[in-house]
């Protein structure tokens, strides 16, 4: 199964606050194999923006240290696993 996973980063490590990260690692995976990875800079923080932005990039899953309920709901609406 193919997945596109977004991981919020701050200074190269998992960011504890999803909405205020410096970068996202976007990782393409198929089964247990990573097929591609890249770093992208998110747009300036605006409540509710990142779930749509990541959905436009084709993200299927998000791994995060923490995020608010509104962001979780927006990801759920877009069928993105958190």
PDB file of N, CA and C in Angstrom:
ATOM      1  N   UNK A   1       0.831  -1.175   0.000  1.00  0.00           N
ATOM      2  CA  UNK A   1       0.000   0.000   0.000  1.00  0.00           C
ATOM      3  C   UNK A   1       0.884   1.250   0.000  1.00  0.00           C
ATOM      4  N   UNK A   2       0.595   2.167  -0.906  1.00  0.00           N
ATOM      5  CA  UNK A   2       1.362   3.409  -0.995  1.00  0.00           C
ATOM      6  C   UNK A   2       0.834   4.424   0.006  1.00  0.00           C
ATOM      7  N   UNK A   3       1.770   5.123   0.648  1.00  0.00           N
ATOM      8  CA  UNK A   3       1.423   6.180   1.589  1.00  0.00           C
ATOM      9  C   UNK A   3       2.331   7.373   1.350  1.00  0.00           C
ATOM     10  N   UNK A   4       1.801   8.545   1.645  1.00  0.00           N
ATOM     11  CA  UNK A   4       2.599   9.768   1.642  1.00  0.00           C
ATOM     12  C   UNK A   4       2.443  10.345   3.045  1.00  0.00           C
ATOM     13  N   UNK A   5       3.540  10.339   3.791  1.00  0.00           N
ATOM     14  CA  UNK A   5       3.518  10.679   5.207  1.00  0.00           C
ATOM     15  C   UNK A   5       4.159  12.046   5.418  1.00  0.00           C
ATOM     16  N   UNK A   6       3.477  12.902   6.191  1.00  0.00           N
ATOM     17  CA  UNK A   6       4.018  14.214   6.551  1.00  0.00           C
ATOM     18  C   UNK A   6       4.423  14.191   8.020  1.00  0.00           C
ATOM     19  N   UNK A   7       5.637  14.683   8.297  1.00  0.00           N
ATOM     20  CA  UNK A   7       6.139  14.762   9.664  1.00  0.00           C
ATOM     21  C   UNK A   7       6.602  16.197   9.909  1.00  0.00           C
ATOM     22  N   UNK A   8       5.983  16.915  10.860  1.00  0.00           N
ATOM     23  CA  UNK A   8       6.403  18.281  11.150  1.00  0.00           C
ATOM     24  C   UNK A   8       7.745  18.287  11.879  1.00  0.00           C
ATOM     25  N   UNK A   9       8.651  19.152  11.424  1.00  0.00           N
ATOM     26  CA  UNK A   9       9.998  19.207  11.992  1.00  0.00           C
ATOM     27  C   UNK A   9      10.339  20.606  12.487  1.00  0.00           C
ATOM     28  N   UNK A  10      11.153  20.634  13.530  1.00  0.00           N
ATOM     29  CA  UNK A  10      11.772  21.870  13.991  1.00  0.00           C
ATOM     30  C   UNK A  10      13.226  21.535  14.273  1.00  0.00           C
ATOM     31  N   UNK A  11      14.118  22.220  13.584  1.00  0.00           N
ATOM     32  CA  UNK A  11      15.554  21.964  13.692  1.00  0.00           C
ATOM     33  C   UNK A  11      15.877  20.491  13.442  1.00  0.00           C
ATOM     34  N   UNK A  12      15.169  19.896  12.481  1.00  0.00           N
ATOM     35  CA  UNK A  12      15.461  18.542  12.044  1.00  0.00           C
ATOM     36  C   UNK A  12      14.881  17.423  12.886  1.00  0.00           C
ATOM     37  N   UNK A  13      14.134  17.766  13.948  1.00  0.00           N
ATOM     38  CA  UNK A  13      13.520  16.724  14.770  1.00  0.00           C
ATOM     39  C   UNK A  13      12.014  16.954  14.845  1.00  0.00           C
ATOM     40  N   UNK A  14      11.287  15.933  15.294  1.00  0.00           N
ATOM     41  CA  UNK A  14       9.836  16.010  15.394  1.00  0.00           C
ATOM     42  C   UNK A  14       9.433  17.228  16.211  1.00  0.00           C
ATOM     43  N   UNK A  15       8.599  18.065  15.620  1.00  0.00           N
ATOM     44  CA  UNK A  15       8.129  19.291  16.269  1.00  0.00           C
ATOM     45  C   UNK A  15       6.998  18.949  17.233  1.00  0.00           C
ATOM     46  N   UNK A  16       7.065  19.505  18.443  1.00  0.00           N
ATOM     47  CA  UNK A  16       6.041  19.193  19.442  1.00  0.00           C
ATOM     48  C   UNK A  16       4.726  19.909  19.171  1.00  0.00           C
ATOM     49  N   UNK A  17       4.739  20.969  18.375  1.00  0.00           N
ATOM     50  CA  UNK A  17       3.501  21.687  18.054  1.00  0.00           C
ATOM     51  C   UNK A  17       3.330  21.712  16.546  1.00  0.00           C
ATOM     52  N   UNK A  18       2.438  20.894  16.064  1.00  0.00           N
ATOM     53  CA  UNK A  18       2.202  20.696  14.634  1.00  0.00           C
ATOM     54  C   UNK A  18       2.076  22.005  13.849  1.00  0.00           C
ATOM     55  N   UNK A  19       1.292  22.953  14.348  1.00  0.00           N
ATOM     56  CA  UNK A  19       0.987  24.167  13.597  1.00  0.00           C
ATOM     57  C   UNK A  19       2.104  25.176  13.513  1.00  0.00           C
ATOM     58  N   UNK A  20       3.177  24.983  14.270  1.00  0.00           N
ATOM     59  CA  UNK A  20       4.256  25.972  14.294  1.00  0.00           C
ATOM     60  C   UNK A  20       5.594  25.385  13.862  1.00  0.00           C
ATOM     61  N   UNK A  21       5.576  24.356  13.043  1.00  0.00           N
ATOM     62  CA  UNK A  21       6.826  23.726  12.622  1.00  0.00           C
ATOM     63  C   UNK A  21       7.523  24.565  11.547  1.00  0.00           C
ATOM     64  N   UNK A  22       8.839  24.346  11.419  1.00  0.00           N
ATOM     65  CA  UNK A  22       9.641  25.045  10.416  1.00  0.00           C
ATOM     66  C   UNK A  22       9.578  24.359   9.057  1.00  0.00           C
ATOM     67  N   UNK A  23       9.454  23.047   9.063  1.00  0.00           N
ATOM     68  CA  UNK A  23       9.454  22.254   7.831  1.00  0.00           C
ATOM     69  C   UNK A  23       8.595  21.014   8.025  1.00  0.00           C
ATOM     70  N   UNK A  24       8.274  20.404   6.906  1.00  0.00           N
ATOM     71  CA  UNK A  24       7.658  19.078   6.921  1.00  0.00           C
ATOM     72  C   UNK A  24       8.555  18.142   6.130  1.00  0.00           C
ATOM     73  N   UNK A  25       8.818  16.969   6.693  1.00  0.00           N
ATOM     74  CA  UNK A  25       9.394  15.886   5.909  1.00  0.00           C
ATOM     75  C   UNK A  25       8.204  15.205   5.241  1.00  0.00           C
ATOM     76  N   UNK A  26       8.261  15.074   3.931  1.00  0.00           N
ATOM     77  CA  UNK A  26       7.229  14.360   3.181  1.00  0.00           C
ATOM     78  C   UNK A  26       7.883  13.081   2.676  1.00  0.00           C
ATOM     79  N   UNK A  27       7.351  11.961   3.108  1.00  0.00           N
ATOM     80  CA  UNK A  27       7.956  10.665   2.820  1.00  0.00           C
ATOM     81  C   UNK A  27       6.966   9.803   2.053  1.00  0.00           C
ATOM     82  N   UNK A  28       7.393   9.315   0.897  1.00  0.00           N
ATOM     83  CA  UNK A  28       6.601   8.355   0.131  1.00  0.00           C
ATOM     84  C   UNK A  28       7.058   6.961   0.543  1.00  0.00           C
ATOM     85  N   UNK A  29       6.107   6.113   0.861  1.00  0.00           N
ATOM     86  CA  UNK A  29       6.434   4.754   1.279  1.00  0.00           C
ATOM     87  C   UNK A  29       5.501   3.770   0.593  1.00  0.00           C
ATOM     88  N   UNK A  30       6.071   2.611   0.306  1.00  0.00           N
ATOM     89  CA  UNK A  30       5.280   1.508  -0.233  1.00  0.00           C
ATOM     90  C   UNK A  30       5.640   0.279   0.583  1.00  0.00           C
ATOM     91  N   UNK A  31       4.658  -0.234   1.319  1.00  0.00           N
ATOM     92  CA  UNK A  31       4.954  -1.316   2.254  1.00  0.00           C
ATOM     93  C   UNK A  31       5.911  -0.805   3.316  1.00  0.00           C
ATOM     94  N   UNK A  32       7.022  -1.490   3.497  1.00  0.00           N
ATOM     95  CA  UNK A  32       8.022  -1.088   4.492  1.00  0.00           C
ATOM     96  C   UNK A  32       9.171  -0.304   3.876  1.00  0.00           C
ATOM     97  N   UNK A  33       9.067   0.045   2.602  1.00  0.00           N
ATOM     98  CA  UNK A  33      10.162   0.705   1.889  1.00  0.00           C
ATOM     99  C   UNK A  33       9.864   2.182   1.652  1.00  0.00           C
ATOM    100  N   UNK A  34      10.836   3.034   1.994  1.00  0.00           N
ATOM    101  CA  UNK A  34      10.742   4.461   1.681  1.00  0.00           C
ATOM    102  C   UNK A  34      11.210   4.637   0.245  1.00  0.00           C
ATOM    103  N   UNK A  35      10.357   5.220  -0.586  1.00  0.00           N
ATOM    104  CA  UNK A  35      10.690   5.373  -1.999  1.00  0.00           C
ATOM    105  C   UNK A  35      11.136   6.789  -2.350  1.00  0.00           C
ATOM    106  N   UNK A  36      10.778   7.774  -1.508  1.00  0.00           N
ATOM    107  CA  UNK A  36      11.165   9.165  -1.780  1.00  0.00           C
ATOM    108  C   UNK A  36      10.966   9.978  -0.517  1.00  0.00           C
ATOM    109  N   UNK A  37      11.855  10.930  -0.278  1.00  0.00           N
ATOM    110  CA  UNK A  37      11.633  11.868   0.817  1.00  0.00           C
ATOM    111  C   UNK A  37      12.136  13.249   0.436  1.00  0.00           C
ATOM    112  N   UNK A  38      11.429  14.257   0.940  1.00  0.00           N
ATOM    113  CA  UNK A  38      11.794  15.638   0.671  1.00  0.00           C
ATOM    114  C   UNK A  38      11.391  16.495   1.862  1.00  0.00           C
ATOM    115  N   UNK A  39      12.001  17.668   1.974  1.00  0.00           N
ATOM    116  CA  UNK A  39      11.630  18.640   3.002  1.00  0.00           C
ATOM    117  C   UNK A  39      10.938  19.809   2.326  1.00  0.00           C
ATOM    118  N   UNK A  40       9.828  20.258   2.903  1.00  0.00           N
ATOM    119  CA  UNK A  40       9.103  21.404   2.357  1.00  0.00           C
ATOM    120  C   UNK A  40       8.821  22.393   3.484  1.00  0.00           C
ATOM    121  N   UNK A  41       8.832  23.664   3.129  1.00  0.00           N
ATOM    122  CA  UNK A  41       8.527  24.728   4.080  1.00  0.00           C
ATOM    123  C   UNK A  41       7.043  25.048   3.992  1.00  0.00           C
ATOM    124  N   UNK A  42       6.346  25.019   5.125  1.00  0.00           N
ATOM    125  CA  UNK A  42       4.907  25.298   5.093  1.00  0.00           C
ATOM    126  C   UNK A  42       4.629  26.788   4.913  1.00  0.00           C
ATOM    127  N   UNK A  43       3.417  27.122   4.518  1.00  0.00           N
ATOM    128  CA  UNK A  43       3.031  28.531   4.452  1.00  0.00           C
ATOM    129  C   UNK A  43       2.987  29.102   5.872  1.00  0.00           C
ATOM    130  N   UNK A  44       2.969  30.435   6.004  1.00  0.00           N
ATOM    131  CA  UNK A  44       2.877  31.036   7.343  1.00  0.00           C
ATOM    132  C   UNK A  44       1.672  30.483   8.108  1.00  0.00           C
ATOM    133  N   UNK A  45       1.844  30.351   9.430  1.00  0.00           N
ATOM    134  CA  UNK A  45       0.790  29.756  10.263  1.00  0.00           C
ATOM    135  C   UNK A  45      -0.508  30.547  10.172  1.00  0.00           C
ATOM    136  N   UNK A  46      -1.557  29.802   9.939  1.00  0.00           N
ATOM    137  CA  UNK A  46      -2.914  30.342   9.930  1.00  0.00           C
ATOM    138  C   UNK A  46      -3.809  29.184  10.372  1.00  0.00           C
ATOM    139  N   UNK A  47      -4.634  29.379  11.398  1.00  0.00           N
ATOM    140  CA  UNK A  47      -5.455  28.275  11.888  1.00  0.00           C
ATOM    141  C   UNK A  47      -6.256  27.596  10.769  1.00  0.00           C
ATOM    142  N   UNK A  48      -6.160  26.273  10.724  1.00  0.00           N
ATOM    143  CA  UNK A  48      -6.928  25.489   9.758  1.00  0.00           C
ATOM    144  C   UNK A  48      -6.324  25.368   8.373  1.00  0.00           C
ATOM    145  N   UNK A  49      -5.199  26.031   8.110  1.00  0.00           N
ATOM    146  CA  UNK A  49      -4.615  26.044   6.766  1.00  0.00           C
ATOM    147  C   UNK A  49      -3.842  24.762   6.428  1.00  0.00           C
ATOM    148  N   UNK A  50      -3.047  24.265   7.359  1.00  0.00           N
ATOM    149  CA  UNK A  50      -2.135  23.161   7.046  1.00  0.00           C
ATOM    150  C   UNK A  50      -2.819  21.866   6.603  1.00  0.00           C
ATOM    151  N   UNK A  51      -3.944  21.469   7.181  1.00  0.00           N
ATOM    152  CA  UNK A  51      -4.573  20.237   6.683  1.00  0.00           C
ATOM    153  C   UNK A  51      -4.915  20.297   5.188  1.00  0.00           C
ATOM    154  N   UNK A  52      -5.439  21.411   4.717  1.00  0.00           N
ATOM    155  CA  UNK A  52      -5.743  21.558   3.297  1.00  0.00           C
ATOM    156  C   UNK A  52      -4.492  21.598   2.448  1.00  0.00           C
ATOM    157  N   UNK A  53      -3.469  22.301   2.930  1.00  0.00           N
ATOM    158  CA  UNK A  53      -2.196  22.416   2.209  1.00  0.00           C
ATOM    159  C   UNK A  53      -1.557  21.035   2.045  1.00  0.00           C
ATOM    160  N   UNK A  54      -1.553  20.245   3.125  1.00  0.00           N
ATOM    161  CA  UNK A  54      -0.982  18.897   3.037  1.00  0.00           C
ATOM    162  C   UNK A  54      -1.837  17.983   2.165  1.00  0.00           C
ATOM    163  N   UNK A  55      -3.150  18.138   2.218  1.00  0.00           N
ATOM    164  CA  UNK A  55      -4.033  17.346   1.352  1.00  0.00           C
ATOM    165  C   UNK A  55      -3.734  17.630  -0.116  1.00  0.00           C
ATOM    166  N   UNK A  56      -3.483  18.903  -0.452  1.00  0.00           N
ATOM    167  CA  UNK A  56      -3.143  19.265  -1.839  1.00  0.00           C
ATOM    168  C   UNK A  56      -1.854  18.595  -2.285  1.00  0.00           C
ATOM    169  N   UNK A  57      -0.969  18.290  -1.353  1.00  0.00           N
ATOM    170  CA  UNK A  57       0.296  17.623  -1.669  1.00  0.00           C
ATOM    171  C   UNK A  57       0.131  16.102  -1.733  1.00  0.00           C
ATOM    172  N   UNK A  58      -1.087  15.612  -1.501  1.00  0.00           N
ATOM    173  CA  UNK A  58      -1.353  14.183  -1.603  1.00  0.00           C
ATOM    174  C   UNK A  58      -1.028  13.385  -0.356  1.00  0.00           C
ATOM    175  N   UNK A  59      -0.850  14.069   0.774  1.00  0.00           N
ATOM    176  CA  UNK A  59      -0.509  13.385   2.019  1.00  0.00           C
ATOM    177  C   UNK A  59      -1.663  12.473   2.448  1.00  0.00           C
ATOM    178  N   UNK A  60      -1.307  11.257   2.878  1.00  0.00           N
ATOM    179  CA  UNK A  60      -2.301  10.289   3.351  1.00  0.00           C
ATOM    180  C   UNK A  60      -2.246  10.093   4.863  1.00  0.00           C
ATOM    181  N   UNK A  61      -1.092  10.422   5.468  1.00  0.00           N
ATOM    182  CA  UNK A  61      -0.881  10.196   6.896  1.00  0.00           C
ATOM    183  C   UNK A  61      -0.024  11.315   7.480  1.00  0.00           C
ATOM    184  N   UNK A  62      -0.277  11.652   8.753  1.00  0.00           N
ATOM    185  CA  UNK A  62       0.526  12.643   9.468  1.00  0.00           C
ATOM    186  C   UNK A  62       0.996  12.016  10.771  1.00  0.00           C
ATOM    187  N   UNK A  63       2.289  12.163  11.052  1.00  0.00           N
ATOM    188  CA  UNK A  63       2.849  11.760  12.337  1.00  0.00           C
ATOM    189  C   UNK A  63       3.242  13.051  13.035  1.00  0.00           C
ATOM    190  N   UNK A  64       2.672  13.308  14.213  1.00  0.00           N
ATOM    191  CA  UNK A  64       2.922  14.578  14.893  1.00  0.00           C
ATOM    192  C   UNK A  64       3.087  14.364  16.386  1.00  0.00           C
ATOM    193  N   UNK A  65       3.853  15.264  17.015  1.00  0.00           N
ATOM    194  CA  UNK A  65       4.032  15.220  18.456  1.00  0.00           C
ATOM    195  C   UNK A  65       2.784  15.662  19.184  1.00  0.00           C
ATOM    196  N   UNK A  66       2.021  16.535  18.578  1.00  0.00           N
ATOM    197  CA  UNK A  66       0.788  17.024  19.168  1.00  0.00           C
ATOM    198  C   UNK A  66       0.092  17.977  18.217  1.00  0.00           C
ATOM    199  N   UNK A  67      -1.240  18.017  18.302  1.00  0.00           N
ATOM    200  CA  UNK A  67      -2.014  18.963  17.496  1.00  0.00           C
ATOM    201  C   UNK A  67      -3.372  19.147  18.144  1.00  0.00           C
ATOM    202  N   UNK A  68      -4.003  20.261  17.822  1.00  0.00           N
ATOM    203  CA  UNK A  68      -5.307  20.566  18.383  1.00  0.00           C
ATOM    204  C   UNK A  68      -6.422  19.749  17.756  1.00  0.00           C
ATOM    205  N   UNK A  69      -7.548  19.736  18.443  1.00  0.00           N
ATOM    206  CA  UNK A  69      -8.701  18.966  17.973  1.00  0.00           C
ATOM    207  C   UNK A  69      -9.215  19.477  16.635  1.00  0.00           C
ATOM    208  N   UNK A  70      -9.163  20.791  16.413  1.00  0.00           N
ATOM    209  CA  UNK A  70      -9.641  21.334  15.130  1.00  0.00           C
ATOM    210  C   UNK A  70      -8.825  20.773  13.970  1.00  0.00           C
ATOM    211  N   UNK A  71      -7.501  20.745  14.122  1.00  0.00           N
ATOM    212  CA  UNK A  71      -6.648  20.187  13.067  1.00  0.00           C
ATOM    213  C   UNK A  71      -6.968  18.709  12.852  1.00  0.00           C
ATOM    214  N   UNK A  72      -7.147  17.973  13.937  1.00  0.00           N
ATOM    215  CA  UNK A  72      -7.491  16.551  13.816  1.00  0.00           C
ATOM    216  C   UNK A  72      -8.792  16.391  13.038  1.00  0.00           C
ATOM    217  N   UNK A  73      -9.788  17.196  13.370  1.00  0.00           N
ATOM    218  CA  UNK A  73     -11.071  17.127  12.664  1.00  0.00           C
ATOM    219  C   UNK A  73     -10.909  17.450  11.182  1.00  0.00           C
ATOM    220  N   UNK A  74     -10.105  18.460  10.856  1.00  0.00           N
ATOM    221  CA  UNK A  74      -9.888  18.828   9.451  1.00  0.00           C
ATOM    222  C   UNK A  74      -9.178  17.712   8.695  1.00  0.00           C
ATOM    223  N   UNK A  75      -8.221  17.048   9.332  1.00  0.00           N
ATOM    224  CA  UNK A  75      -7.570  15.901   8.692  1.00  0.00           C
ATOM    225  C   UNK A  75      -8.574  14.768   8.490  1.00  0.00           C
ATOM    226  N   UNK A  76      -9.385  14.502   9.500  1.00  0.00           N
ATOM    227  CA  UNK A  76     -10.391  13.445   9.377  1.00  0.00           C
ATOM    228  C   UNK A  76     -11.354  13.723   8.228  1.00  0.00           C
ATOM    229  N   UNK A  77     -11.767  14.979   8.058  1.00  0.00           N
ATOM    230  CA  UNK A  77     -12.655  15.350   6.949  1.00  0.00           C
ATOM    231  C   UNK A  77     -12.015  15.062   5.601  1.00  0.00           C
ATOM    232  N   UNK A  78     -10.698  15.154   5.543  1.00  0.00           N
ATOM    233  CA  UNK A  78      -9.962  14.929   4.292  1.00  0.00           C
ATOM    234  C   UNK A  78      -9.457  13.491   4.169  1.00  0.00           C
ATOM    235  N   UNK A  79      -9.875  12.637   5.090  1.00  0.00           N
ATOM    236  CA  UNK A  79      -9.487  11.213   5.086  1.00  0.00           C
ATOM    237  C   UNK A  79      -7.979  11.029   5.221  1.00  0.00           C
ATOM    238  N   UNK A  80      -7.331  11.929   5.979  1.00  0.00           N
ATOM    239  CA  UNK A  80      -5.904  11.821   6.258  1.00  0.00           C
ATOM    240  C   UNK A  80      -5.753  11.253   7.666  1.00  0.00           C
ATOM    241  N   UNK A  81      -4.990  10.175   7.785  1.00  0.00           N
ATOM    242  CA  UNK A  81      -4.780   9.513   9.076  1.00  0.00           C
ATOM    243  C   UNK A  81      -3.830  10.321   9.947  1.00  0.00           C
ATOM    244  N   UNK A  82      -4.178  10.450  11.221  1.00  0.00           N
ATOM    245  CA  UNK A  82      -3.329  11.171  12.182  1.00  0.00           C
ATOM    246  C   UNK A  82      -2.878  10.191  13.241  1.00  0.00           C
TER     247      UNK A  82
END
